[in-house]
């Protein structure tokens, strides 16, 4: 009798899961998916940035995310890498939601000699409000090959990646709560299924002994 009740409970739980989870309208399929940088913008033909990358495009607000990128000096002069940056632009144009994350390169490591490359790493806590953003990853480098100014090398943005679509959620928001409930319920159903299978296999092997 008890085994029959457990089986019915398990089936009902699975059916409920199939109905509830699609209603959450929140997908975590993109979690921890590295984004290769197919896009590259050049301020000069000699200094180039590429391989922009972000550790995940599905971010829980308040979590720490990593950004990566590489800049290379193809010329024969020394250039200075001033900073490595990530820019979050709100897709619906609400400028109050925009955020800029940056790490300044210290004086001992910012020199980019002829033929040398520099790989930047930025780790920061994401504080953007819950929404969707277009993210760009770029270096600020003194372009010593720019001959259009008489006042020293200008600092330009050299973009390693752009048009990375990122979603930020807040666990305390309705969508975050729904996601948490969905995950918790999914784990619970999985445990029930394992218990049912274990009971069925145990009963099957017990019968074989006789």
Protein backbone atom coordinates (compact mmCIF):
# COMPACT_ATOMS: atom_id res chain seq x y z
CA UNK A 1 0.00 0.00 0.00
CA UNK A 2 2.75 2.44 0.97
CA UNK A 3 4.73 1.64 -2.18
CA UNK A 4 1.67 2.40 -4.33
CA UNK A 5 1.21 5.75 -2.62
CA UNK A 6 4.89 6.63 -3.14
CA UNK A 7 4.68 5.79 -6.84
CA UNK A 8 1.54 7.92 -7.29
CA UNK A 9 3.15 10.80 -5.36
CA UNK A 10 6.26 10.61 -7.51
CA UNK A 11 4.27 10.65 -10.75
CA UNK A 12 2.20 13.63 -9.57
CA UNK A 13 5.37 15.50 -8.58
CA UNK A 14 6.94 14.90 -12.00
CA UNK A 15 3.78 16.09 -13.79
CA UNK A 16 3.67 19.18 -11.61
CA UNK A 17 7.30 19.93 -12.40
CA UNK A 18 6.66 19.71 -16.14
CA UNK A 19 3.85 22.25 -15.78
CA UNK A 20 5.51 24.68 -13.33
CA UNK A 21 9.08 24.98 -14.66
CA UNK A 22 8.13 26.42 -18.12
CA UNK A 23 6.06 29.08 -16.32
CA UNK A 24 9.09 30.50 -14.55
CA UNK A 25 10.20 32.15 -17.81
CA UNK A 26 13.75 32.18 -16.46
CA UNK A 27 16.43 30.12 -18.16
CA UNK A 28 19.85 29.29 -16.77
CA UNK A 29 21.04 27.58 -19.95
CA UNK A 30 23.70 30.22 -20.43
CA UNK A 31 25.30 29.93 -17.01
CA UNK A 32 29.08 29.62 -17.12
CA UNK A 33 29.18 29.77 -20.90
CA UNK A 34 32.39 31.46 -22.09
CA UNK A 35 31.86 33.96 -24.89
CA UNK A 36 34.52 34.00 -27.61
CA UNK A 37 35.32 37.40 -29.08
CA UNK A 38 34.60 37.38 -32.79
CA UNK A 39 34.43 41.18 -32.85
CA UNK A 40 37.47 43.43 -32.91
CA UNK A 41 37.74 47.21 -33.25
CA UNK A 42 41.03 48.91 -34.03
CA UNK A 43 41.99 52.52 -33.37
CA UNK A 44 45.23 51.84 -35.20
CA UNK A 45 46.51 49.05 -37.40
CA UNK A 46 49.44 48.41 -35.10
CA UNK A 47 47.84 48.07 -31.66
CA UNK A 48 45.04 45.51 -31.64
CA UNK A 49 42.81 44.00 -28.96
CA UNK A 50 41.03 40.65 -29.22
CA UNK A 51 39.90 37.50 -27.34
CA UNK A 52 37.47 39.39 -25.10
CA UNK A 53 35.72 36.96 -22.79
CA UNK A 54 33.30 36.90 -19.85
CA UNK A 55 32.94 34.00 -17.42
CA UNK A 56 29.12 33.92 -17.67
CA UNK A 57 26.34 35.79 -19.45
CA UNK A 58 23.75 34.95 -16.80
CA UNK A 59 24.66 36.86 -13.64
CA UNK A 60 23.18 36.93 -10.16
CA UNK A 61 23.41 40.49 -8.90
CA UNK A 62 26.11 40.81 -6.25
CA UNK A 63 28.18 37.91 -7.56
CA UNK A 64 31.78 38.32 -8.74
CA UNK A 65 32.37 37.88 -12.48
CA UNK A 66 35.62 37.60 -14.45
CA UNK A 67 36.45 39.39 -17.69
CA UNK A 68 39.42 38.64 -19.95
CA UNK A 69 41.06 40.14 -23.02
CA UNK A 70 44.36 40.48 -24.87
CA UNK A 71 46.04 43.47 -26.53
CA UNK A 72 49.04 43.18 -28.84
CA UNK A 73 51.64 45.68 -30.06
CA UNK A 74 52.64 44.87 -33.65
CA UNK A 75 54.91 47.91 -33.96
CA UNK A 76 58.43 48.84 -32.91
CA UNK A 77 57.63 51.38 -30.14
CA UNK A 78 56.72 50.99 -26.48
CA UNK A 79 53.08 51.59 -25.57
CA UNK A 80 51.41 51.84 -22.16
CA UNK A 81 48.32 49.81 -21.21
CA UNK A 82 46.49 52.08 -18.77
CA UNK A 83 43.42 50.04 -17.83
CA UNK A 84 41.19 47.07 -18.62
CA UNK A 85 37.44 47.69 -18.66
CA UNK A 86 33.96 46.22 -19.03
CA UNK A 87 31.03 48.46 -19.97
CA UNK A 88 27.40 47.43 -19.28
CA UNK A 89 24.86 49.35 -21.39
CA UNK A 90 21.15 48.87 -20.65
CA UNK A 91 19.41 47.47 -23.74
CA UNK A 92 16.31 49.63 -23.26
CA UNK A 93 18.29 52.84 -22.93
CA UNK A 94 17.93 53.49 -19.20
CA UNK A 95 21.28 55.16 -18.51
CA UNK A 96 20.82 54.90 -14.74
CA UNK A 97 21.24 51.13 -15.11
CA UNK A 98 24.57 51.41 -16.95
CA UNK A 99 27.72 50.36 -15.10
CA UNK A 100 31.44 50.65 -15.81
CA UNK A 101 33.91 48.19 -14.27
CA UNK A 102 37.63 48.82 -14.53
CA UNK A 103 41.03 47.80 -13.25
CA UNK A 104 44.01 50.17 -13.50
CA UNK A 105 47.27 48.60 -14.63
CA UNK A 106 50.10 49.44 -12.24
CA UNK A 107 53.23 51.21 -13.49
CA UNK A 108 55.40 48.09 -13.27
CA UNK A 109 53.23 46.03 -15.63
CA UNK A 110 51.68 48.48 -18.09
CA UNK A 111 54.56 48.64 -20.60
CA UNK A 112 53.75 46.93 -23.92
CA UNK A 113 56.96 46.51 -25.86
CA UNK A 114 57.38 45.83 -29.59
CA UNK A 115 55.81 42.49 -30.51
CA UNK A 116 54.53 41.93 -26.99
CA UNK A 117 51.01 41.06 -25.88
CA UNK A 118 49.23 41.81 -22.62
CA UNK A 119 46.35 39.74 -21.22
CA UNK A 120 44.08 41.61 -18.86
CA UNK A 121 41.92 40.10 -16.11
CA UNK A 122 39.16 41.96 -14.34
CA UNK A 123 37.18 40.49 -11.43
CA UNK A 124 34.45 42.62 -9.93
CA UNK A 125 31.12 42.43 -8.12
CA UNK A 126 28.27 43.12 -10.53
CA UNK A 127 25.90 45.74 -9.08
CA UNK A 128 23.65 46.39 -12.08
CA UNK A 129 19.90 46.36 -11.45
CA UNK A 130 18.08 43.30 -12.75
CA UNK A 131 17.81 43.63 -16.54
CA UNK A 132 19.51 42.81 -19.86
CA UNK A 133 22.68 44.56 -21.03
CA UNK A 134 25.02 44.91 -23.98
CA UNK A 135 28.58 44.43 -22.72
CA UNK A 136 31.82 45.65 -24.28
CA UNK A 137 35.29 44.66 -23.08
CA UNK A 138 38.19 46.99 -23.90
CA UNK A 139 41.65 48.26 -23.01
CA UNK A 140 42.72 51.88 -22.70
CA UNK A 141 46.15 52.17 -24.33
CA UNK A 142 48.39 55.12 -25.17
CA UNK A 143 48.63 54.99 -28.96
CA UNK A 144 52.23 56.03 -29.59
CA UNK A 145 51.70 55.46 -33.31
CA UNK A 146 49.08 58.21 -33.60
CA UNK A 147 50.78 61.14 -35.35
CA UNK A 148 47.74 63.43 -35.37
CA UNK A 149 48.57 65.15 -32.07
CA UNK A 150 51.46 67.33 -30.89
CA UNK A 151 50.74 66.88 -27.20
CA UNK A 152 51.92 63.32 -26.58
CA UNK A 153 50.38 59.95 -27.24
CA UNK A 154 46.57 59.95 -26.95
CA UNK A 155 44.81 57.25 -24.98
CA UNK A 156 42.28 55.26 -27.01
CA UNK A 157 39.84 52.46 -26.28
CA UNK A 158 40.90 49.22 -27.98
CA UNK A 159 37.90 46.89 -27.93
CA UNK A 160 38.51 43.18 -27.38
CA UNK A 161 34.83 42.18 -27.59
CA UNK A 162 31.45 43.88 -27.97
CA UNK A 163 27.74 43.09 -28.32
CA UNK A 164 27.80 40.46 -25.59
CA UNK A 165 24.23 40.17 -24.33
CA UNK A 166 24.17 39.65 -20.55
CA UNK A 167 21.23 39.06 -18.21
CA UNK A 168 21.41 40.17 -14.57
CA UNK A 169 18.90 38.79 -12.05
CA UNK A 170 18.29 39.63 -8.42
CA UNK A 171 17.56 36.65 -6.15
CA UNK A 172 15.31 38.84 -3.99
CA UNK A 173 13.20 39.85 -7.01
CA UNK A 174 10.10 37.89 -8.17
CA UNK A 175 11.96 36.26 -11.07
CA UNK A 176 14.85 35.30 -8.79
CA UNK A 177 12.47 33.79 -6.22
CA UNK A 178 10.68 31.82 -8.93
CA UNK A 179 14.02 30.52 -10.20
CA UNK A 180 15.04 29.46 -6.70
CA UNK A 181 11.72 27.72 -6.10
CA UNK A 182 11.98 25.96 -9.45
CA UNK A 183 15.49 24.68 -8.74
CA UNK A 184 14.54 23.54 -5.22
CA UNK A 185 11.45 21.76 -6.49
CA UNK A 186 13.45 20.12 -9.28
CA UNK A 187 15.98 18.75 -6.79
CA UNK A 188 13.14 17.47 -4.58
CA UNK A 189 11.51 15.65 -7.50
CA UNK A 190 14.85 14.12 -8.47
CA UNK A 191 15.26 12.77 -4.92
CA UNK A 192 11.73 11.28 -5.03
CA UNK A 193 12.44 9.62 -8.37
CA UNK A 194 15.67 8.12 -7.00
CA UNK A 195 13.81 6.76 -3.95
CA UNK A 196 11.12 5.21 -6.15
CA UNK A 197 13.68 3.59 -8.43
CA UNK A 198 15.64 2.30 -5.45
CA UNK A 199 12.49 0.75 -3.95
CA UNK A 200 11.54 -0.83 -7.26
CA UNK A 201 15.01 -2.32 -7.80
CA UNK A 202 15.17 -3.55 -4.21
CA UNK A 203 11.79 -5.27 -4.56
CA UNK A 204 12.80 -6.78 -7.91
CA UNK A 205 16.04 -8.26 -6.58
CA UNK A 206 14.27 -9.53 -3.46
CA UNK A 207 11.82 -11.51 -5.60
CA UNK A 208 14.68 -13.13 -7.54
CA UNK A 209 16.00 -14.69 -4.32
CA UNK A 210 12.84 -16.77 -4.11
